[in-house]
């Protein structure tokens, strides 16, 4: 199974401002990319093939609970990892990232809008 990670414009814009604020975030995002490649369903399910990932920011010093949240969306259904063919390609979109101290959560309406505008 091949996993492709795609970054949306919204994610890029928000990540850029957070990286300026928290320089270590670039390393955490690189580690997240590796984790998503091996496990596309990482995080808490939000429905609609979307997941919320708690991400610690080392330079913030607050651990996962006070760190960032990354919202991902998987294109296509994933029934079970074992049933997947090795040649199958899964696309994981990084929809948005936000600082937990600035935004508590995203609404279902916001999530649907992010999925709609993912490309």
C-alpha atoms as a PDB file:
ATOM      1  CA  UNK A   1       0.000   0.000   0.000  1.00  0.00           C
ATOM      2  CA  UNK A   2       1.359   3.401  -0.982  1.00  0.00           C
ATOM      3  CA  UNK A   3       0.351   6.449   1.017  1.00  0.00           C
ATOM      4  CA  UNK A   4       0.638   9.895  -0.512  1.00  0.00           C
ATOM      5  CA  UNK A   5       0.502  12.945   1.770  1.00  0.00           C
ATOM      6  CA  UNK A   6      -0.930  16.111   0.222  1.00  0.00           C
ATOM      7  CA  UNK A   7      -0.861  19.518   1.855  1.00  0.00           C
ATOM      8  CA  UNK A   8      -3.799  21.862   1.262  1.00  0.00           C
ATOM      9  CA  UNK A   9      -3.394  25.624   0.846  1.00  0.00           C
ATOM     10  CA  UNK A  10      -5.192  26.190   4.149  1.00  0.00           C
ATOM     11  CA  UNK A  11      -2.774  23.876   5.978  1.00  0.00           C
ATOM     12  CA  UNK A  12       0.280  25.544   4.383  1.00  0.00           C
ATOM     13  CA  UNK A  13      -0.887  29.006   5.372  1.00  0.00           C
ATOM     14  CA  UNK A  14      -1.627  28.071   8.983  1.00  0.00           C
ATOM     15  CA  UNK A  15       1.482  25.907   9.399  1.00  0.00           C
ATOM     16  CA  UNK A  16       3.717  28.705   8.131  1.00  0.00           C
ATOM     17  CA  UNK A  17       2.525  31.119  10.832  1.00  0.00           C
ATOM     18  CA  UNK A  18       2.775  28.454  13.555  1.00  0.00           C
ATOM     19  CA  UNK A  19       6.312  27.497  12.468  1.00  0.00           C
ATOM     20  CA  UNK A  20       7.379  31.150  12.824  1.00  0.00           C
ATOM     21  CA  UNK A  21       5.979  31.103  16.355  1.00  0.00           C
ATOM     22  CA  UNK A  22       7.233  27.593  17.269  1.00  0.00           C
ATOM     23  CA  UNK A  23      10.393  26.666  15.278  1.00  0.00           C
ATOM     24  CA  UNK A  24      10.439  23.027  16.455  1.00  0.00           C
ATOM     25  CA  UNK A  25       7.078  22.421  14.738  1.00  0.00           C
ATOM     26  CA  UNK A  26       8.849  21.700  11.441  1.00  0.00           C
ATOM     27  CA  UNK A  27      10.453  18.612  13.033  1.00  0.00           C
ATOM     28  CA  UNK A  28       7.143  17.466  14.529  1.00  0.00           C
ATOM     29  CA  UNK A  29       5.451  17.806  11.127  1.00  0.00           C
ATOM     30  CA  UNK A  30       8.196  15.765   9.446  1.00  0.00           C
ATOM     31  CA  UNK A  31       7.703  13.016  12.051  1.00  0.00           C
ATOM     32  CA  UNK A  32       3.930  13.209  11.514  1.00  0.00           C
ATOM     33  CA  UNK A  33       4.405  12.697   7.775  1.00  0.00           C
ATOM     34  CA  UNK A  34       6.341   9.482   8.456  1.00  0.00           C
ATOM     35  CA  UNK A  35       3.698   8.304  10.930  1.00  0.00           C
ATOM     36  CA  UNK A  36       0.867   8.988   8.463  1.00  0.00           C
ATOM     37  CA  UNK A  37       2.682   7.074   5.734  1.00  0.00           C
ATOM     38  CA  UNK A  38       2.629   3.936   7.869  1.00  0.00           C
ATOM     39  CA  UNK A  39      -0.779   4.590   9.494  1.00  0.00           C
ATOM     40  CA  UNK A  40      -3.127   6.866   7.475  1.00  0.00           C
ATOM     41  CA  UNK A  41      -5.881   6.476  10.098  1.00  0.00           C
ATOM     42  CA  UNK A  42      -3.791   8.068  12.836  1.00  0.00           C
ATOM     43  CA  UNK A  43      -5.757  10.162  15.332  1.00  0.00           C
ATOM     44  CA  UNK A  44      -9.322  10.453  16.595  1.00  0.00           C
ATOM     45  CA  UNK A  45     -12.022   9.746  13.973  1.00  0.00           C
ATOM     46  CA  UNK A  46     -14.228  12.753  13.179  1.00  0.00           C
ATOM     47  CA  UNK A  47     -16.400  11.001  10.575  1.00  0.00           C
ATOM     48  CA  UNK A  48     -16.297  11.418   6.790  1.00  0.00           C
ATOM     49  CA  UNK A  49     -12.849   9.705   6.676  1.00  0.00           C
ATOM     50  CA  UNK A  50     -11.389  12.611   8.680  1.00  0.00           C
ATOM     51  CA  UNK A  51      -9.168  12.456  11.749  1.00  0.00           C
ATOM     52  CA  UNK A  52      -7.899  14.848  14.435  1.00  0.00           C
ATOM     53  CA  UNK A  53      -4.294  14.303  15.492  1.00  0.00           C
ATOM     54  CA  UNK A  54      -2.912  15.720  18.735  1.00  0.00           C
ATOM     55  CA  UNK A  55       0.601  16.995  18.114  1.00  0.00           C
ATOM     56  CA  UNK A  56       3.042  18.148  20.774  1.00  0.00           C
ATOM     57  CA  UNK A  57       5.182  21.186  20.022  1.00  0.00           C
ATOM     58  CA  UNK A  58       8.552  20.855  21.752  1.00  0.00           C
ATOM     59  CA  UNK A  59       9.355  24.586  21.604  1.00  0.00           C
ATOM     60  CA  UNK A  60       5.988  25.356  23.232  1.00  0.00           C
ATOM     61  CA  UNK A  61       6.715  22.994  26.119  1.00  0.00           C
ATOM     62  CA  UNK A  62       3.133  21.927  26.851  1.00  0.00           C
ATOM     63  CA  UNK A  63       2.944  18.372  25.478  1.00  0.00           C
ATOM     64  CA  UNK A  64       0.129  17.015  23.323  1.00  0.00           C
ATOM     65  CA  UNK A  65      -2.732  18.464  25.387  1.00  0.00           C
ATOM     66  CA  UNK A  66      -1.566  22.051  24.873  1.00  0.00           C
ATOM     67  CA  UNK A  67       0.068  21.571  21.485  1.00  0.00           C
ATOM     68  CA  UNK A  68      -1.367  21.676  17.993  1.00  0.00           C
ATOM     69  CA  UNK A  69      -4.181  19.820  16.271  1.00  0.00           C
ATOM     70  CA  UNK A  70      -3.886  18.529  12.716  1.00  0.00           C
ATOM     71  CA  UNK A  71      -7.025  17.605  10.781  1.00  0.00           C
ATOM     72  CA  UNK A  72      -6.523  14.990   8.059  1.00  0.00           C
ATOM     73  CA  UNK A  73      -8.828  13.504   5.438  1.00  0.00           C
ATOM     74  CA  UNK A  74      -8.383  10.201   3.611  1.00  0.00           C
ATOM     75  CA  UNK A  75      -9.578   9.908   0.023  1.00  0.00           C
ATOM     76  CA  UNK A  76     -11.475   6.656  -0.427  1.00  0.00           C
ATOM     77  CA  UNK A  77     -12.608   3.981   2.003  1.00  0.00           C
ATOM     78  CA  UNK A  78     -10.192   2.038   4.136  1.00  0.00           C
ATOM     79  CA  UNK A  79     -11.842  -1.183   5.244  1.00  0.00           C
ATOM     80  CA  UNK A  80      -8.892  -2.801   6.987  1.00  0.00           C
ATOM     81  CA  UNK A  81      -5.171  -2.385   6.529  1.00  0.00           C
ATOM     82  CA  UNK A  82      -4.698  -6.148   6.205  1.00  0.00           C
ATOM     83  CA  UNK A  83      -7.125  -6.362   3.281  1.00  0.00           C
ATOM     84  CA  UNK A  84      -5.342  -3.694   1.261  1.00  0.00           C
ATOM     85  CA  UNK A  85      -3.284  -4.597  -1.762  1.00  0.00           C
ATOM     86  CA  UNK A  86       0.369  -3.563  -1.729  1.00  0.00           C
ATOM     87  CA  UNK A  87      -0.095  -1.630  -4.975  1.00  0.00           C
ATOM     88  CA  UNK A  88      -3.079   0.390  -3.763  1.00  0.00           C
ATOM     89  CA  UNK A  89      -2.550   4.129  -3.321  1.00  0.00           C
ATOM     90  CA  UNK A  90      -4.160   6.097  -0.492  1.00  0.00           C
ATOM     91  CA  UNK A  91      -4.122   9.897  -0.404  1.00  0.00           C
ATOM     92  CA  UNK A  92      -4.084  11.653   2.965  1.00  0.00           C
ATOM     93  CA  UNK A  93      -4.860  15.371   2.862  1.00  0.00           C
ATOM     94  CA  UNK A  94      -3.561  17.643   5.606  1.00  0.00           C
ATOM     95  CA  UNK A  95      -6.599  19.935   5.834  1.00  0.00           C
ATOM     96  CA  UNK A  96      -5.651  22.312   8.632  1.00  0.00           C
ATOM     97  CA  UNK A  97      -3.513  22.807  11.705  1.00  0.00           C
ATOM     98  CA  UNK A  98      -4.294  24.973  14.705  1.00  0.00           C
ATOM     99  CA  UNK A  99      -2.848  25.846  18.087  1.00  0.00           C
ATOM    100  CA  UNK A 100      -4.976  24.277  20.823  1.00  0.00           C
ATOM    101  CA  UNK A 101      -4.555  27.387  22.995  1.00  0.00           C
ATOM    102  CA  UNK A 102      -6.055  29.578  20.240  1.00  0.00           C
ATOM    103  CA  UNK A 103      -8.816  27.285  18.905  1.00  0.00           C
ATOM    104  CA  UNK A 104     -10.601  24.690  21.037  1.00  0.00           C
ATOM    105  CA  UNK A 105     -12.056  22.614  18.196  1.00  0.00           C
ATOM    106  CA  UNK A 106     -13.521  22.852  14.711  1.00  0.00           C
ATOM    107  CA  UNK A 107     -17.218  22.498  13.972  1.00  0.00           C
ATOM    108  CA  UNK A 108     -18.783  19.937  11.648  1.00  0.00           C
ATOM    109  CA  UNK A 109     -19.596  22.789   9.268  1.00  0.00           C
ATOM    110  CA  UNK A 110     -15.942  23.894   9.185  1.00  0.00           C
ATOM    111  CA  UNK A 111     -14.825  20.299   8.631  1.00  0.00           C
ATOM    112  CA  UNK A 112     -17.186  19.867   5.673  1.00  0.00           C
ATOM    113  CA  UNK A 113     -15.921  23.136   4.184  1.00  0.00           C
ATOM    114  CA  UNK A 114     -12.289  22.029   4.567  1.00  0.00           C
ATOM    115  CA  UNK A 115     -13.054  18.696   2.864  1.00  0.00           C
ATOM    116  CA  UNK A 116     -14.902  20.474   0.054  1.00  0.00           C
ATOM    117  CA  UNK A 117     -11.948  22.820  -0.587  1.00  0.00           C
ATOM    118  CA  UNK A 118      -9.159  20.253  -0.139  1.00  0.00           C
ATOM    119  CA  UNK A 119      -7.814  20.401  -3.690  1.00  0.00           C
END
